[in-house]
Amino acid sequence: MKGIQHHLILIIGLILWGFLPVTISNAVFYLAVVIVSVCIGRAGYEQAKLRRTAWLRQYLKDSSTLNDSLAVGFLSMVIIIPVAAFWAVVLLLNLRAGGWAIWVPVLAGFLIFLWSKRVLLPKVSEHVVQSSVAPVVRKLSIFPTALTMIIISVAISLFALHPNVEGLGWLETMERGTAEVQGAGILAFMERLYTGISLTEYWAIQNTIKSLSTPVLLNVMGWMLFFLSKCAFVWAFCRLLVGLESLSQYFSQVKHG
């Protein structure tokens, strides 16, 4: 239990975020974005460092002073920080708008991630240098976690009830759907934007299936948005798990010297 306390705190925090009243969630939105961005950014930093270290080891001696100067630095962080913020917003919006159904892949992904780490650790330890074992295990654990979450997310979405927008124009669909989002402020704006993207998926898919005269390109666009939105949420959540695990390990090392 001790080794997964930080993950349990994460899941509880995400559940609270998903069901907070609009006024409270709007007040803590920026704080939530910062916290989640730090975790996701840590995952990006760790993977960038892992790639750079593997590259440097091919050419430089361990005693070389160039190891520090060529390590992941400012330029890498310039890319990592805004990308992490984007994934954080994607994750937080999905948790707010996804309802109860979204927690099935979240909890499944959480359990698969923990199981994958436990299974992969002894196997990776046999082949990888000690300093890189934990990052490599976390990186490899993403794949079964993401695959499980995508399968569950797509299955639930295909069989769940969706708004019936057949026969409606796109603008009319947007007006009806986004009007249901309550509140004001940046979070409400982002939720309306997310709702608009989701409604565009349903609108494109439903109108193409029901009407053979609808351009095929519209159908392709609808299904692309559908799968991209699912993959974006899954990827953001996986990076959050990896980043949190990496931060926990880092602070543990600092605490124990």
C-alpha atoms as a PDB file:
ATOM      1  CA  MET A   1       0.000   0.000   0.000  1.00  0.00           C
ATOM      2  CA  LYS A   2       2.859   2.365   0.794  1.00  0.00           C
ATOM      3  CA  GLY A   3       4.165   2.303  -2.754  1.00  0.00           C
ATOM      4  CA  ILE A   4       0.862   3.345  -4.298  1.00  0.00           C
ATOM      5  CA  GLN A   5      -0.262   6.007  -1.836  1.00  0.00           C
ATOM      6  CA  HIS A   6       0.513   8.797  -4.290  1.00  0.00           C
ATOM      7  CA  HIS A   7      -1.551   7.055  -6.973  1.00  0.00           C
ATOM      8  CA  LEU A   8      -4.517   6.649  -4.630  1.00  0.00           C
ATOM      9  CA  ILE A   9      -4.312  10.341  -3.759  1.00  0.00           C
ATOM     10  CA  LEU A  10      -4.250  11.089  -7.484  1.00  0.00           C
ATOM     11  CA  ILE A  11      -7.366   9.038  -8.213  1.00  0.00           C
ATOM     12  CA  ILE A  12      -9.249  10.620  -5.304  1.00  0.00           C
ATOM     13  CA  GLY A  13      -8.195  14.072  -6.488  1.00  0.00           C
ATOM     14  CA  LEU A  14      -9.333  13.388 -10.050  1.00  0.00           C
ATOM     15  CA  ILE A  15     -12.699  12.076  -8.849  1.00  0.00           C
ATOM     16  CA  LEU A  16     -13.206  15.192  -6.727  1.00  0.00           C
ATOM     17  CA  TRP A  17     -12.305  17.358  -9.710  1.00  0.00           C
ATOM     18  CA  GLY A  18     -14.743  15.530 -11.957  1.00  0.00           C
ATOM     19  CA  PHE A  19     -17.710  16.132  -9.662  1.00  0.00           C
ATOM     20  CA  LEU A  20     -16.958  19.510  -8.083  1.00  0.00           C
ATOM     21  CA  PRO A  21     -19.650  22.201  -8.476  1.00  0.00           C
ATOM     22  CA  VAL A  22     -19.020  24.607 -11.341  1.00  0.00           C
ATOM     23  CA  THR A  23     -18.232  27.567  -9.081  1.00  0.00           C
ATOM     24  CA  ILE A  24     -15.571  25.682  -7.124  1.00  0.00           C
ATOM     25  CA  SER A  25     -14.017  23.970 -10.153  1.00  0.00           C
ATOM     26  CA  ASN A  26     -13.814  27.303 -11.962  1.00  0.00           C
ATOM     27  CA  ALA A  27     -11.990  28.811  -8.965  1.00  0.00           C
ATOM     28  CA  VAL A  28      -9.373  26.041  -8.781  1.00  0.00           C
ATOM     29  CA  PHE A  29      -9.040  25.453 -12.532  1.00  0.00           C
ATOM     30  CA  TYR A  30      -5.671  27.179 -12.906  1.00  0.00           C
ATOM     31  CA  LEU A  31      -4.292  25.415  -9.843  1.00  0.00           C
ATOM     32  CA  ALA A  32      -5.458  22.060 -11.220  1.00  0.00           C
ATOM     33  CA  VAL A  33      -3.851  22.796 -14.593  1.00  0.00           C
ATOM     34  CA  VAL A  34      -0.550  23.692 -12.918  1.00  0.00           C
ATOM     35  CA  ILE A  35      -0.482  20.550 -10.751  1.00  0.00           C
ATOM     36  CA  VAL A  36      -1.388  18.205 -13.599  1.00  0.00           C
ATOM     37  CA  SER A  37       0.998  20.006 -15.975  1.00  0.00           C
ATOM     38  CA  VAL A  38       3.885  19.519 -13.543  1.00  0.00           C
ATOM     39  CA  CYS A  39       3.223  15.779 -13.403  1.00  0.00           C
ATOM     40  CA  ILE A  40       2.799  15.401 -17.157  1.00  0.00           C
ATOM     41  CA  GLY A  41       5.789  17.649 -17.788  1.00  0.00           C
ATOM     42  CA  ARG A  42       7.883  15.489 -15.492  1.00  0.00           C
ATOM     43  CA  ALA A  43       6.992  12.468 -17.635  1.00  0.00           C
ATOM     44  CA  GLY A  44       8.086  14.322 -20.759  1.00  0.00           C
ATOM     45  CA  TYR A  45      11.306  15.445 -19.099  1.00  0.00           C
ATOM     46  CA  GLU A  46      12.118  11.929 -17.912  1.00  0.00           C
ATOM     47  CA  GLN A  47      11.593  10.398 -21.339  1.00  0.00           C
ATOM     48  CA  ALA A  48      13.617  13.145 -23.020  1.00  0.00           C
ATOM     49  CA  LYS A  49      16.403  12.592 -20.515  1.00  0.00           C
ATOM     50  CA  LEU A  50      16.260   8.842 -21.101  1.00  0.00           C
ATOM     51  CA  ARG A  51      16.641   9.307 -24.868  1.00  0.00           C
ATOM     52  CA  ARG A  52      19.414  11.882 -24.484  1.00  0.00           C
ATOM     53  CA  THR A  53      21.324   9.744 -21.971  1.00  0.00           C
ATOM     54  CA  ALA A  54      21.118   6.705 -24.257  1.00  0.00           C
ATOM     55  CA  TRP A  55      22.491   8.818 -27.101  1.00  0.00           C
ATOM     56  CA  LEU A  56      25.311  10.339 -25.047  1.00  0.00           C
ATOM     57  CA  ARG A  57      26.428   6.966 -23.700  1.00  0.00           C
ATOM     58  CA  GLN A  58      27.291   5.891 -27.221  1.00  0.00           C
ATOM     59  CA  TYR A  59      29.954   8.598 -27.550  1.00  0.00           C
ATOM     60  CA  LEU A  60      30.932  10.087 -24.196  1.00  0.00           C
ATOM     61  CA  LYS A  61      32.799   8.662 -21.228  1.00  0.00           C
ATOM     62  CA  ASP A  62      31.060   8.712 -17.858  1.00  0.00           C
ATOM     63  CA  SER A  63      33.743  11.090 -16.600  1.00  0.00           C
ATOM     64  CA  SER A  64      33.266  13.593 -19.445  1.00  0.00           C
ATOM     65  CA  THR A  65      32.222  17.106 -18.412  1.00  0.00           C
ATOM     66  CA  LEU A  66      30.063  17.317 -21.535  1.00  0.00           C
ATOM     67  CA  ASN A  67      27.452  14.979 -20.032  1.00  0.00           C
ATOM     68  CA  ASP A  68      25.933  17.805 -17.993  1.00  0.00           C
ATOM     69  CA  SER A  69      26.070  20.474 -20.692  1.00  0.00           C
ATOM     70  CA  LEU A  70      24.475  18.177 -23.294  1.00  0.00           C
ATOM     71  CA  ALA A  71      21.768  16.863 -20.998  1.00  0.00           C
ATOM     72  CA  VAL A  72      18.120  17.904 -21.269  1.00  0.00           C
ATOM     73  CA  GLY A  73      18.025  21.630 -20.622  1.00  0.00           C
ATOM     74  CA  PHE A  74      16.243  24.901 -21.250  1.00  0.00           C
ATOM     75  CA  LEU A  75      15.337  24.354 -24.899  1.00  0.00           C
ATOM     76  CA  SER A  76      13.738  21.012 -24.117  1.00  0.00           C
ATOM     77  CA  MET A  77      11.691  22.554 -21.321  1.00  0.00           C
ATOM     78  CA  VAL A  78      10.437  25.265 -23.680  1.00  0.00           C
ATOM     79  CA  ILE A  79       8.733  22.484 -25.638  1.00  0.00           C
ATOM     80  CA  ILE A  80       7.789  20.250 -22.706  1.00  0.00           C
ATOM     81  CA  ILE A  81       5.975  22.892 -20.619  1.00  0.00           C
ATOM     82  CA  PRO A  82       3.354  24.086 -23.165  1.00  0.00           C
ATOM     83  CA  VAL A  83       2.759  20.520 -24.389  1.00  0.00           C
ATOM     84  CA  ALA A  84       2.220  19.380 -20.801  1.00  0.00           C
ATOM     85  CA  ALA A  85      -0.239  22.243 -20.218  1.00  0.00           C
ATOM     86  CA  PHE A  86      -2.187  21.216 -23.327  1.00  0.00           C
ATOM     87  CA  TRP A  87      -2.439  17.586 -22.181  1.00  0.00           C
ATOM     88  CA  ALA A  88      -3.454  18.761 -18.714  1.00  0.00           C
ATOM     89  CA  VAL A  89      -6.375  20.775 -20.111  1.00  0.00           C
ATOM     90  CA  VAL A  90      -7.436  17.839 -22.307  1.00  0.00           C
ATOM     91  CA  LEU A  91      -7.425  15.507 -19.307  1.00  0.00           C
ATOM     92  CA  LEU A  92      -9.276  17.854 -16.964  1.00  0.00           C
ATOM     93  CA  LEU A  93     -11.984  18.670 -19.519  1.00  0.00           C
ATOM     94  CA  ASN A  94     -12.585  15.001 -20.249  1.00  0.00           C
ATOM     95  CA  LEU A  95     -12.942  14.217 -16.559  1.00  0.00           C
ATOM     96  CA  ARG A  96     -15.498  17.012 -16.165  1.00  0.00           C
ATOM     97  CA  ALA A  97     -17.541  16.195 -19.263  1.00  0.00           C
ATOM     98  CA  GLY A  98     -17.196  12.416 -19.478  1.00  0.00           C
ATOM     99  CA  GLY A  99     -19.653  11.499 -16.726  1.00  0.00           C
ATOM    100  CA  TRP A 100     -19.530   8.195 -14.864  1.00  0.00           C
ATOM    101  CA  ALA A 101     -18.569   6.222 -17.983  1.00  0.00           C
ATOM    102  CA  ILE A 102     -15.127   7.796 -18.190  1.00  0.00           C
ATOM    103  CA  TRP A 103     -14.103   6.386 -14.801  1.00  0.00           C
ATOM    104  CA  VAL A 104     -14.224   2.802 -16.059  1.00  0.00           C
ATOM    105  CA  PRO A 105     -11.185   3.203 -18.371  1.00  0.00           C
ATOM    106  CA  VAL A 106      -9.500   5.476 -15.800  1.00  0.00           C
ATOM    107  CA  LEU A 107      -9.673   2.896 -13.012  1.00  0.00           C
ATOM    108  CA  ALA A 108      -8.810   0.071 -15.412  1.00  0.00           C
ATOM    109  CA  GLY A 109      -5.800   1.997 -16.688  1.00  0.00           C
ATOM    110  CA  PHE A 110      -4.686   2.728 -13.135  1.00  0.00           C
ATOM    111  CA  LEU A 111      -4.766  -0.973 -12.210  1.00  0.00           C
ATOM    112  CA  ILE A 112      -3.094  -2.116 -15.449  1.00  0.00           C
ATOM    113  CA  PHE A 113      -0.317   0.435 -14.960  1.00  0.00           C
ATOM    114  CA  LEU A 114       0.451  -0.870 -11.471  1.00  0.00           C
ATOM    115  CA  TRP A 115       0.292  -4.485 -12.653  1.00  0.00           C
ATOM    116  CA  SER A 116       2.537  -3.782 -15.659  1.00  0.00           C
ATOM    117  CA  LYS A 117       5.206  -2.166 -13.509  1.00  0.00           C
ATOM    118  CA  ARG A 118       5.242  -5.132 -11.169  1.00  0.00           C
ATOM    119  CA  VAL A 119       5.519  -7.637 -14.012  1.00  0.00           C
ATOM    120  CA  LEU A 120       8.085  -5.699 -16.049  1.00  0.00           C
ATOM    121  CA  LEU A 121      10.439  -4.698 -13.231  1.00  0.00           C
ATOM    122  CA  PRO A 122      12.301  -8.044 -12.829  1.00  0.00           C
ATOM    123  CA  LYS A 123      12.480  -8.571 -16.591  1.00  0.00           C
ATOM    124  CA  VAL A 124      13.838  -5.074 -17.307  1.00  0.00           C
ATOM    125  CA  SER A 125      16.304  -5.299 -14.408  1.00  0.00           C
ATOM    126  CA  GLU A 126      18.019  -8.222 -16.119  1.00  0.00           C
ATOM    127  CA  HIS A 127      18.968  -6.152 -19.181  1.00  0.00           C
ATOM    128  CA  VAL A 128      19.000  -2.431 -18.320  1.00  0.00           C
ATOM    129  CA  VAL A 129      21.537  -0.469 -16.284  1.00  0.00           C
ATOM    130  CA  GLN A 130      20.303   0.204 -12.759  1.00  0.00           C
ATOM    131  CA  SER A 131      19.966   3.978 -13.161  1.00  0.00           C
ATOM    132  CA  SER A 132      17.552   3.576 -16.081  1.00  0.00           C
ATOM    133  CA  VAL A 133      15.455   0.646 -14.843  1.00  0.00           C
ATOM    134  CA  ALA A 134      12.630   2.685 -13.291  1.00  0.00           C
ATOM    135  CA  PRO A 135      12.187   5.107 -16.254  1.00  0.00           C
ATOM    136  CA  VAL A 136      12.232   2.233 -18.749  1.00  0.00           C
ATOM    137  CA  VAL A 137       9.681   0.257 -16.714  1.00  0.00           C
ATOM    138  CA  ARG A 138       7.385   3.295 -16.577  1.00  0.00           C
ATOM    139  CA  LYS A 139       7.785   3.891 -20.300  1.00  0.00           C
ATOM    140  CA  LEU A 140       6.972   0.282 -21.187  1.00  0.00           C
ATOM    141  CA  SER A 141       4.008   0.225 -18.790  1.00  0.00           C
ATOM    142  CA  ILE A 142       2.333   2.937 -20.857  1.00  0.00           C
ATOM    143  CA  PHE A 143       1.623   0.577 -23.767  1.00  0.00           C
ATOM    144  CA  PRO A 144      -0.606  -2.032 -22.043  1.00  0.00           C
ATOM    145  CA  THR A 145      -2.218   0.749 -20.025  1.00  0.00           C
ATOM    146  CA  ALA A 146      -3.043   2.857 -23.072  1.00  0.00           C
ATOM    147  CA  LEU A 147      -4.239  -0.125 -25.114  1.00  0.00           C
ATOM    148  CA  THR A 148      -6.595  -1.253 -22.350  1.00  0.00           C
ATOM    149  CA  MET A 149      -7.989   2.234 -21.855  1.00  0.00           C
ATOM    150  CA  ILE A 150      -8.546   2.841 -25.580  1.00  0.00           C
ATOM    151  CA  ILE A 151     -10.387  -0.461 -26.035  1.00  0.00           C
ATOM    152  CA  ILE A 152     -12.642   0.208 -23.040  1.00  0.00           C
ATOM    153  CA  SER A 153     -13.239   3.852 -23.994  1.00  0.00           C
ATOM    154  CA  VAL A 154     -14.180   3.022 -27.574  1.00  0.00           C
ATOM    155  CA  ALA A 155     -16.417   0.119 -26.502  1.00  0.00           C
ATOM    156  CA  ILE A 156     -18.289   2.270 -23.996  1.00  0.00           C
ATOM    157  CA  SER A 157     -18.674   5.118 -26.476  1.00  0.00           C
ATOM    158  CA  LEU A 158     -20.034   2.847 -29.203  1.00  0.00           C
ATOM    159  CA  PHE A 159     -22.735   1.387 -26.952  1.00  0.00           C
ATOM    160  CA  ALA A 160     -23.551   4.452 -24.843  1.00  0.00           C
ATOM    161  CA  LEU A 161     -26.410   6.829 -25.591  1.00  0.00           C
ATOM    162  CA  HIS A 162     -25.443   9.996 -27.449  1.00  0.00           C
ATOM    163  CA  PRO A 163     -27.294  13.183 -28.378  1.00  0.00           C
ATOM    164  CA  ASN A 164     -29.485  12.682 -31.446  1.00  0.00           C
ATOM    165  CA  VAL A 165     -28.390  15.356 -33.926  1.00  0.00           C
ATOM    166  CA  GLU A 166     -29.519  13.591 -37.091  1.00  0.00           C
ATOM    167  CA  GLY A 167     -30.890  16.014 -39.663  1.00  0.00           C
ATOM    168  CA  LEU A 168     -29.701  19.121 -37.818  1.00  0.00           C
ATOM    169  CA  GLY A 169     -27.305  21.665 -39.240  1.00  0.00           C
ATOM    170  CA  TRP A 170     -23.921  21.997 -37.636  1.00  0.00           C
ATOM    171  CA  LEU A 171     -24.580  25.490 -36.249  1.00  0.00           C
ATOM    172  CA  GLU A 172     -27.912  24.412 -34.797  1.00  0.00           C
ATOM    173  CA  THR A 173     -26.230  21.423 -33.174  1.00  0.00           C
ATOM    174  CA  MET A 174     -23.607  23.688 -31.615  1.00  0.00           C
ATOM    175  CA  GLU A 175     -26.188  26.139 -30.288  1.00  0.00           C
ATOM    176  CA  ARG A 176     -28.303  23.440 -28.646  1.00  0.00           C
ATOM    177  CA  GLY A 177     -25.414  21.481 -27.186  1.00  0.00           C
ATOM    178  CA  THR A 178     -23.234  24.274 -25.847  1.00  0.00           C
ATOM    179  CA  ALA A 179     -26.239  26.036 -24.294  1.00  0.00           C
ATOM    180  CA  GLU A 180     -26.423  23.216 -21.737  1.00  0.00           C
ATOM    181  CA  VAL A 181     -22.994  24.112 -20.306  1.00  0.00           C
ATOM    182  CA  GLN A 182     -23.515  26.317 -17.275  1.00  0.00           C
ATOM    183  CA  GLY A 183     -21.313  28.887 -15.632  1.00  0.00           C
ATOM    184  CA  ALA A 184     -18.924  31.576 -16.768  1.00  0.00           C
ATOM    185  CA  GLY A 185     -15.174  31.991 -16.858  1.00  0.00           C
ATOM    186  CA  ILE A 186     -12.328  30.157 -18.524  1.00  0.00           C
ATOM    187  CA  LEU A 187     -13.417  26.673 -17.438  1.00  0.00           C
ATOM    188  CA  ALA A 188     -16.951  27.133 -18.784  1.00  0.00           C
ATOM    189  CA  PHE A 189     -15.494  28.416 -22.056  1.00  0.00           C
ATOM    190  CA  MET A 190     -13.195  25.403 -22.335  1.00  0.00           C
ATOM    191  CA  GLU A 191     -16.079  23.034 -21.523  1.00  0.00           C
ATOM    192  CA  ARG A 192     -18.182  24.612 -24.287  1.00  0.00           C
ATOM    193  CA  LEU A 193     -15.286  24.174 -26.685  1.00  0.00           C
ATOM    194  CA  TYR A 194     -14.884  20.535 -25.671  1.00  0.00           C
ATOM    195  CA  THR A 195     -18.643  19.954 -25.972  1.00  0.00           C
ATOM    196  CA  GLY A 196     -18.571  21.498 -29.435  1.00  0.00           C
ATOM    197  CA  ILE A 197     -15.855  19.091 -30.552  1.00  0.00           C
ATOM    198  CA  SER A 198     -17.761  16.111 -29.148  1.00  0.00           C
ATOM    199  CA  LEU A 199     -21.002  17.214 -30.826  1.00  0.00           C
ATOM    200  CA  THR A 200     -19.142  17.621 -34.116  1.00  0.00           C
ATOM    201  CA  GLU A 201     -18.133  13.961 -33.867  1.00  0.00           C
ATOM    202  CA  TYR A 202     -21.724  12.823 -33.309  1.00  0.00           C
ATOM    203  CA  TRP A 203     -23.080  15.182 -35.945  1.00  0.00           C
ATOM    204  CA  ALA A 204     -20.639  14.006 -38.639  1.00  0.00           C
ATOM    205  CA  ILE A 205     -21.053  10.301 -37.866  1.00  0.00           C
ATOM    206  CA  GLN A 206     -24.853  10.249 -37.406  1.00  0.00           C
ATOM    207  CA  ASN A 207     -25.671  12.301 -40.485  1.00  0.00           C
ATOM    208  CA  THR A 208     -23.339  10.267 -42.697  1.00  0.00           C
ATOM    209  CA  ILE A 209     -24.674   6.913 -41.501  1.00  0.00           C
ATOM    210  CA  LYS A 210     -28.283   7.939 -42.024  1.00  0.00           C
ATOM    211  CA  SER A 211     -27.824   9.754 -45.300  1.00  0.00           C
ATOM    212  CA  LEU A 212     -25.945   8.255 -48.236  1.00  0.00           C
ATOM    213  CA  SER A 213     -25.894  11.650 -49.923  1.00  0.00           C
ATOM    214  CA  THR A 214     -23.648  13.079 -47.219  1.00  0.00           C
ATOM    215  CA  PRO A 215     -19.997  13.377 -48.359  1.00  0.00           C
ATOM    216  CA  VAL A 216     -17.755  10.515 -47.311  1.00  0.00           C
ATOM    217  CA  LEU A 217     -15.193  13.053 -46.120  1.00  0.00           C
ATOM    218  CA  LEU A 218     -17.624  14.096 -43.385  1.00  0.00           C
ATOM    219  CA  ASN A 219     -17.805  10.526 -42.134  1.00  0.00           C
ATOM    220  CA  VAL A 220     -14.017  10.244 -42.122  1.00  0.00           C
ATOM    221  CA  MET A 221     -13.749  13.524 -40.211  1.00  0.00           C
ATOM    222  CA  GLY A 222     -16.246  12.350 -37.608  1.00  0.00           C
ATOM    223  CA  TRP A 223     -14.498   9.041 -36.959  1.00  0.00           C
ATOM    224  CA  MET A 224     -11.077  10.737 -36.908  1.00  0.00           C
ATOM    225  CA  LEU A 225     -12.270  13.196 -34.262  1.00  0.00           C
ATOM    226  CA  PHE A 226     -13.792  10.306 -32.331  1.00  0.00           C
ATOM    227  CA  PHE A 227     -10.599   8.259 -32.164  1.00  0.00           C
ATOM    228  CA  LEU A 228      -8.288  11.251 -31.731  1.00  0.00           C
ATOM    229  CA  SER A 229     -10.298  12.515 -28.768  1.00  0.00           C
ATOM    230  CA  LYS A 230     -10.184   9.087 -27.097  1.00  0.00           C
ATOM    231  CA  CYS A 231      -6.459   8.674 -27.741  1.00  0.00           C
ATOM    232  CA  ALA A 232      -5.700  12.203 -26.503  1.00  0.00           C
ATOM    233  CA  PHE A 233      -7.419  11.590 -23.180  1.00  0.00           C
ATOM    234  CA  VAL A 234      -5.779   8.175 -22.735  1.00  0.00           C
ATOM    235  CA  TRP A 235      -2.337   9.530 -23.570  1.00  0.00           C
ATOM    236  CA  ALA A 236      -2.735  12.446 -21.154  1.00  0.00           C
ATOM    237  CA  PHE A 237      -3.782  10.117 -18.336  1.00  0.00           C
ATOM    238  CA  CYS A 238      -0.890   7.718 -18.994  1.00  0.00           C
ATOM    239  CA  ARG A 239       1.592  10.597 -18.933  1.00  0.00           C
ATOM    240  CA  LEU A 240       0.062  11.772 -15.678  1.00  0.00           C
ATOM    241  CA  LEU A 241       0.608   8.352 -14.092  1.00  0.00           C
ATOM    242  CA  VAL A 242       4.204   8.206 -15.301  1.00  0.00           C
ATOM    243  CA  GLY A 243       4.977  11.756 -14.198  1.00  0.00           C
ATOM    244  CA  LEU A 244       3.508  11.263 -10.745  1.00  0.00           C
ATOM    245  CA  GLU A 245       5.498   8.056 -10.276  1.00  0.00           C
ATOM    246  CA  SER A 246       8.671   9.792 -11.429  1.00  0.00           C
ATOM    247  CA  LEU A 247       8.135  12.757  -9.081  1.00  0.00           C
ATOM    248  CA  SER A 248       7.448  10.415  -6.179  1.00  0.00           C
ATOM    249  CA  GLN A 249      10.701   8.571  -6.843  1.00  0.00           C
ATOM    250  CA  TYR A 250      12.623  11.848  -7.185  1.00  0.00           C
ATOM    251  CA  PHE A 251      11.361  13.285  -3.886  1.00  0.00           C
ATOM    252  CA  SER A 252      12.017   9.968  -2.174  1.00  0.00           C
ATOM    253  CA  GLN A 253      15.630  10.046  -3.363  1.00  0.00           C
ATOM    254  CA  VAL A 254      16.033  13.651  -2.215  1.00  0.00           C
ATOM    255  CA  LYS A 255      14.543  12.822   1.190  1.00  0.00           C
ATOM    256  CA  HIS A 256      16.886   9.888   1.751  1.00  0.00           C
ATOM    257  CA  GLY A 257      19.919  11.682   0.335  1.00  0.00           C
END
